[in-house]
Amino acid sequence: MRAATRRIAVISSAAALFSSILLGGTAHAETLSDKAASICGSGYYVQRSHVLSDRQTQGVTAFQLYNASSRKNCAVTLKHPTTSSFYGSKTTLGAGMRAEGGSWVREEGAFAYYAGPVYVNASGKCVQFWGKTYQSGASSVWYETHTSSFANCG
């Protein structure tokens, strides 16, 4: 009986070690904010976001991010992987940003997962971000845009 118990303990320990190595430790579900930050790059964090569409079949959110080290702003528009039936299919998305007094920098096109990243250096100025989604299904069309107010000045 002891040998069987020892074998089970060894197998359990080996399985735990293998899972830890394979999965890189404890599993962590990546949030939309995490994904937006990883798209913009190291050191970026979300300042503001706006849900363009939270209907069950076409979830999309526009994000404004900032990196304190580089003093750059970033905009990304993401499809929700768990609620967008269009996730992975190319539909029209747009992401954009501008510094107060400056011109818009935008990326718009057919994307499967996200539009952007779009970067603006706005030291000492307020910024505005923009997002767009256009998705058509068998019996309906969803078109939504959002243009934020100027904020996050500095």
C-alpha atoms as a PDB file:
ATOM      1  CA  MET A   1       0.000   0.000   0.000  1.00  0.00           C
ATOM      2  CA  ARG A   2       2.844   2.369   0.811  1.00  0.00           C
ATOM      3  CA  ALA A   3       4.464   1.853  -2.598  1.00  0.00           C
ATOM      4  CA  ALA A   4       1.206   2.703  -4.358  1.00  0.00           C
ATOM      5  CA  THR A   5       0.798   5.860  -2.267  1.00  0.00           C
ATOM      6  CA  ARG A   6       4.384   6.883  -3.018  1.00  0.00           C
ATOM      7  CA  ARG A   7       3.828   6.314  -6.764  1.00  0.00           C
ATOM      8  CA  ILE A   8       0.702   8.492  -6.704  1.00  0.00           C
ATOM      9  CA  ALA A   9       2.570  11.228  -4.835  1.00  0.00           C
ATOM     10  CA  VAL A  10       5.448  11.110  -7.343  1.00  0.00           C
ATOM     11  CA  ILE A  11       3.039  11.165 -10.306  1.00  0.00           C
ATOM     12  CA  SER A  12       1.098  14.080  -8.768  1.00  0.00           C
ATOM     13  CA  SER A  13       4.300  16.019  -8.130  1.00  0.00           C
ATOM     14  CA  ALA A  14       5.541  15.391 -11.656  1.00  0.00           C
ATOM     15  CA  ALA A  15       2.205  16.485 -13.113  1.00  0.00           C
ATOM     16  CA  ALA A  16       2.257  19.692 -11.044  1.00  0.00           C
ATOM     17  CA  LEU A  17       5.834  20.450 -12.123  1.00  0.00           C
ATOM     18  CA  PHE A  18       5.008  19.753 -15.776  1.00  0.00           C
ATOM     19  CA  SER A  19       1.918  22.015 -15.597  1.00  0.00           C
ATOM     20  CA  SER A  20       3.946  24.772 -13.977  1.00  0.00           C
ATOM     21  CA  ILE A  21       6.646  24.599 -16.654  1.00  0.00           C
ATOM     22  CA  LEU A  22       4.195  24.245 -19.527  1.00  0.00           C
ATOM     23  CA  LEU A  23       1.791  26.954 -18.392  1.00  0.00           C
ATOM     24  CA  GLY A  24       4.369  29.288 -16.889  1.00  0.00           C
ATOM     25  CA  GLY A  25       2.974  29.132 -13.380  1.00  0.00           C
ATOM     26  CA  THR A  26      -0.462  30.241 -12.317  1.00  0.00           C
ATOM     27  CA  ALA A  27      -2.891  30.844 -15.157  1.00  0.00           C
ATOM     28  CA  HIS A  28      -3.922  34.488 -15.630  1.00  0.00           C
ATOM     29  CA  ALA A  29      -6.834  35.538 -17.804  1.00  0.00           C
ATOM     30  CA  GLU A  30      -5.750  38.490 -19.916  1.00  0.00           C
ATOM     31  CA  THR A  31      -8.193  41.400 -19.702  1.00  0.00           C
ATOM     32  CA  LEU A  32      -8.990  43.746 -22.586  1.00  0.00           C
ATOM     33  CA  SER A  33      -6.943  46.441 -20.819  1.00  0.00           C
ATOM     34  CA  ASP A  34      -3.980  44.037 -20.585  1.00  0.00           C
ATOM     35  CA  LYS A  35      -4.314  43.234 -24.287  1.00  0.00           C
ATOM     36  CA  ALA A  36      -4.490  46.926 -25.263  1.00  0.00           C
ATOM     37  CA  ALA A  37      -1.355  47.644 -23.194  1.00  0.00           C
ATOM     38  CA  SER A  38       0.545  44.734 -24.766  1.00  0.00           C
ATOM     39  CA  ILE A  39      -0.377  45.948 -28.272  1.00  0.00           C
ATOM     40  CA  CYS A  40       0.965  49.451 -27.513  1.00  0.00           C
ATOM     41  CA  GLY A  41       4.128  48.062 -25.918  1.00  0.00           C
ATOM     42  CA  SER A  42       6.033  47.877 -22.674  1.00  0.00           C
ATOM     43  CA  GLY A  43       5.182  50.505 -20.081  1.00  0.00           C
ATOM     44  CA  TYR A  44       1.787  51.554 -21.480  1.00  0.00           C
ATOM     45  CA  TYR A  45      -1.277  51.679 -19.245  1.00  0.00           C
ATOM     46  CA  VAL A  46      -4.924  52.483 -19.939  1.00  0.00           C
ATOM     47  CA  GLN A  47      -6.004  56.036 -19.142  1.00  0.00           C
ATOM     48  CA  ARG A  48      -9.475  55.921 -20.679  1.00  0.00           C
ATOM     49  CA  SER A  49     -11.666  53.565 -22.654  1.00  0.00           C
ATOM     50  CA  HIS A  50     -15.063  53.613 -24.287  1.00  0.00           C
ATOM     51  CA  VAL A  51     -17.243  50.636 -25.169  1.00  0.00           C
ATOM     52  CA  LEU A  52     -18.330  51.206 -28.755  1.00  0.00           C
ATOM     53  CA  SER A  53     -20.620  48.229 -28.753  1.00  0.00           C
ATOM     54  CA  ASP A  54     -21.432  45.889 -25.915  1.00  0.00           C
ATOM     55  CA  ARG A  55     -24.194  43.989 -27.652  1.00  0.00           C
ATOM     56  CA  GLN A  56     -23.736  40.276 -27.241  1.00  0.00           C
ATOM     57  CA  THR A  57     -22.520  39.619 -30.781  1.00  0.00           C
ATOM     58  CA  GLN A  58     -20.223  42.556 -31.547  1.00  0.00           C
ATOM     59  CA  GLY A  59     -18.321  43.735 -28.452  1.00  0.00           C
ATOM     60  CA  VAL A  60     -15.727  46.408 -29.286  1.00  0.00           C
ATOM     61  CA  THR A  61     -13.836  48.877 -27.055  1.00  0.00           C
ATOM     62  CA  ALA A  62     -11.609  51.863 -27.921  1.00  0.00           C
ATOM     63  CA  PHE A  63      -8.669  52.591 -25.569  1.00  0.00           C
ATOM     64  CA  GLN A  64      -6.376  55.526 -24.836  1.00  0.00           C
ATOM     65  CA  LEU A  65      -3.084  54.558 -23.198  1.00  0.00           C
ATOM     66  CA  TYR A  66       0.000  56.386 -21.942  1.00  0.00           C
ATOM     67  CA  ASN A  67       3.649  55.575 -21.299  1.00  0.00           C
ATOM     68  CA  ALA A  68       5.188  57.825 -18.613  1.00  0.00           C
ATOM     69  CA  SER A  69       8.783  56.963 -19.629  1.00  0.00           C
ATOM     70  CA  SER A  70       8.434  57.818 -23.320  1.00  0.00           C
ATOM     71  CA  ARG A  71       5.695  60.423 -22.683  1.00  0.00           C
ATOM     72  CA  LYS A  72       3.774  59.021 -25.669  1.00  0.00           C
ATOM     73  CA  ASN A  73       0.077  58.276 -26.005  1.00  0.00           C
ATOM     74  CA  CYS A  74      -1.374  55.271 -27.810  1.00  0.00           C
ATOM     75  CA  ALA A  75      -4.827  54.413 -29.180  1.00  0.00           C
ATOM     76  CA  VAL A  76      -6.163  50.912 -29.912  1.00  0.00           C
ATOM     77  CA  THR A  77      -9.638  49.605 -30.754  1.00  0.00           C
ATOM     78  CA  LEU A  78     -10.193  45.946 -29.802  1.00  0.00           C
ATOM     79  CA  LYS A  79     -12.826  43.330 -30.550  1.00  0.00           C
ATOM     80  CA  HIS A  80     -13.866  41.412 -27.429  1.00  0.00           C
ATOM     81  CA  PRO A  81     -12.625  37.826 -27.789  1.00  0.00           C
ATOM     82  CA  THR A  82     -15.410  36.380 -25.646  1.00  0.00           C
ATOM     83  CA  THR A  83     -18.434  38.367 -26.866  1.00  0.00           C
ATOM     84  CA  SER A  84     -17.776  39.368 -30.466  1.00  0.00           C
ATOM     85  CA  SER A  85     -19.015  36.859 -33.020  1.00  0.00           C
ATOM     86  CA  PHE A  86     -16.813  38.816 -35.460  1.00  0.00           C
ATOM     87  CA  TYR A  87     -13.614  38.133 -33.468  1.00  0.00           C
ATOM     88  CA  GLY A  88     -11.113  36.688 -35.930  1.00  0.00           C
ATOM     89  CA  SER A  89     -13.101  37.843 -38.984  1.00  0.00           C
ATOM     90  CA  LYS A  90     -12.061  40.985 -40.830  1.00  0.00           C
ATOM     91  CA  THR A  91     -14.479  43.855 -40.274  1.00  0.00           C
ATOM     92  CA  THR A  92     -13.985  47.613 -40.336  1.00  0.00           C
ATOM     93  CA  LEU A  93     -12.268  48.999 -37.238  1.00  0.00           C
ATOM     94  CA  GLY A  94     -10.602  52.308 -36.580  1.00  0.00           C
ATOM     95  CA  ALA A  95      -8.335  53.780 -33.904  1.00  0.00           C
ATOM     96  CA  GLY A  96      -7.110  57.343 -33.715  1.00  0.00           C
ATOM     97  CA  MET A  97      -5.659  60.059 -31.547  1.00  0.00           C
ATOM     98  CA  ARG A  98      -4.640  63.693 -31.665  1.00  0.00           C
ATOM     99  CA  ALA A  99      -2.969  66.240 -29.430  1.00  0.00           C
ATOM    100  CA  GLU A 100      -4.748  69.523 -28.833  1.00  0.00           C
ATOM    101  CA  GLY A 101      -4.040  71.795 -31.817  1.00  0.00           C
ATOM    102  CA  GLY A 102      -2.699  68.871 -33.874  1.00  0.00           C
ATOM    103  CA  SER A 103      -3.997  66.656 -36.661  1.00  0.00           C
ATOM    104  CA  TRP A 104      -5.615  63.262 -36.271  1.00  0.00           C
ATOM    105  CA  VAL A 105      -3.431  60.175 -36.607  1.00  0.00           C
ATOM    106  CA  ARG A 106      -5.711  57.269 -37.513  1.00  0.00           C
ATOM    107  CA  GLU A 107      -5.623  53.680 -38.642  1.00  0.00           C
ATOM    108  CA  GLU A 108      -8.781  52.389 -40.262  1.00  0.00           C
ATOM    109  CA  GLY A 109      -9.357  49.248 -42.284  1.00  0.00           C
ATOM    110  CA  ALA A 110     -10.496  45.635 -42.219  1.00  0.00           C
ATOM    111  CA  PHE A 111      -9.036  43.924 -39.139  1.00  0.00           C
ATOM    112  CA  ALA A 112      -9.685  40.555 -37.503  1.00  0.00           C
ATOM    113  CA  TYR A 113      -8.749  41.517 -33.917  1.00  0.00           C
ATOM    114  CA  TYR A 114      -7.819  45.192 -33.442  1.00  0.00           C
ATOM    115  CA  ALA A 115      -6.996  48.518 -35.087  1.00  0.00           C
ATOM    116  CA  GLY A 116      -3.880  50.409 -34.034  1.00  0.00           C
ATOM    117  CA  PRO A 117      -1.632  51.023 -32.339  1.00  0.00           C
ATOM    118  CA  VAL A 118      -1.587  54.721 -33.169  1.00  0.00           C
ATOM    119  CA  TYR A 119       0.952  56.897 -31.327  1.00  0.00           C
ATOM    120  CA  VAL A 120       1.022  60.636 -30.554  1.00  0.00           C
ATOM    121  CA  ASN A 121       3.574  62.627 -28.582  1.00  0.00           C
ATOM    122  CA  ALA A 122       1.566  65.250 -26.707  1.00  0.00           C
ATOM    123  CA  SER A 123       3.849  66.607 -23.988  1.00  0.00           C
ATOM    124  CA  GLY A 124       2.133  69.529 -22.294  1.00  0.00           C
ATOM    125  CA  LYS A 125      -1.088  69.100 -24.287  1.00  0.00           C
ATOM    126  CA  CYS A 126      -4.459  67.460 -23.864  1.00  0.00           C
ATOM    127  CA  VAL A 127      -5.327  64.446 -26.031  1.00  0.00           C
ATOM    128  CA  GLN A 128      -8.418  63.112 -27.711  1.00  0.00           C
ATOM    129  CA  PHE A 129      -8.990  59.516 -28.853  1.00  0.00           C
ATOM    130  CA  TRP A 130     -11.315  57.997 -31.440  1.00  0.00           C
ATOM    131  CA  GLY A 131     -12.641  54.533 -32.211  1.00  0.00           C
ATOM    132  CA  LYS A 132     -14.840  53.045 -34.913  1.00  0.00           C
ATOM    133  CA  THR A 133     -16.543  49.739 -35.642  1.00  0.00           C
ATOM    134  CA  TYR A 134     -18.622  48.650 -38.600  1.00  0.00           C
ATOM    135  CA  GLN A 135     -19.848  45.076 -38.646  1.00  0.00           C
ATOM    136  CA  SER A 136     -22.590  43.523 -40.729  1.00  0.00           C
ATOM    137  CA  GLY A 137     -24.390  40.304 -39.991  1.00  0.00           C
ATOM    138  CA  ALA A 138     -26.978  38.291 -41.886  1.00  0.00           C
ATOM    139  CA  SER A 139     -29.846  40.578 -40.908  1.00  0.00           C
ATOM    140  CA  SER A 140     -28.311  43.725 -39.414  1.00  0.00           C
ATOM    141  CA  VAL A 141     -25.495  46.266 -39.513  1.00  0.00           C
ATOM    142  CA  TRP A 142     -23.663  47.841 -36.549  1.00  0.00           C
ATOM    143  CA  TYR A 143     -21.832  51.104 -37.079  1.00  0.00           C
ATOM    144  CA  GLU A 144     -20.579  53.036 -34.093  1.00  0.00           C
ATOM    145  CA  THR A 145     -17.928  55.681 -33.527  1.00  0.00           C
ATOM    146  CA  HIS A 146     -16.705  57.495 -30.457  1.00  0.00           C
ATOM    147  CA  THR A 147     -14.702  60.698 -30.265  1.00  0.00           C
ATOM    148  CA  SER A 148     -13.644  61.574 -26.735  1.00  0.00           C
ATOM    149  CA  SER A 149     -13.336  65.013 -25.257  1.00  0.00           C
ATOM    150  CA  PHE A 150      -9.841  66.440 -24.719  1.00  0.00           C
ATOM    151  CA  ALA A 151      -8.384  65.216 -21.415  1.00  0.00           C
ATOM    152  CA  ASN A 152      -5.276  63.763 -19.785  1.00  0.00           C
ATOM    153  CA  CYS A 153      -3.425  67.038 -20.221  1.00  0.00           C
ATOM    154  CA  GLY A 154       0.230  67.300 -19.427  1.00  0.00           C
END
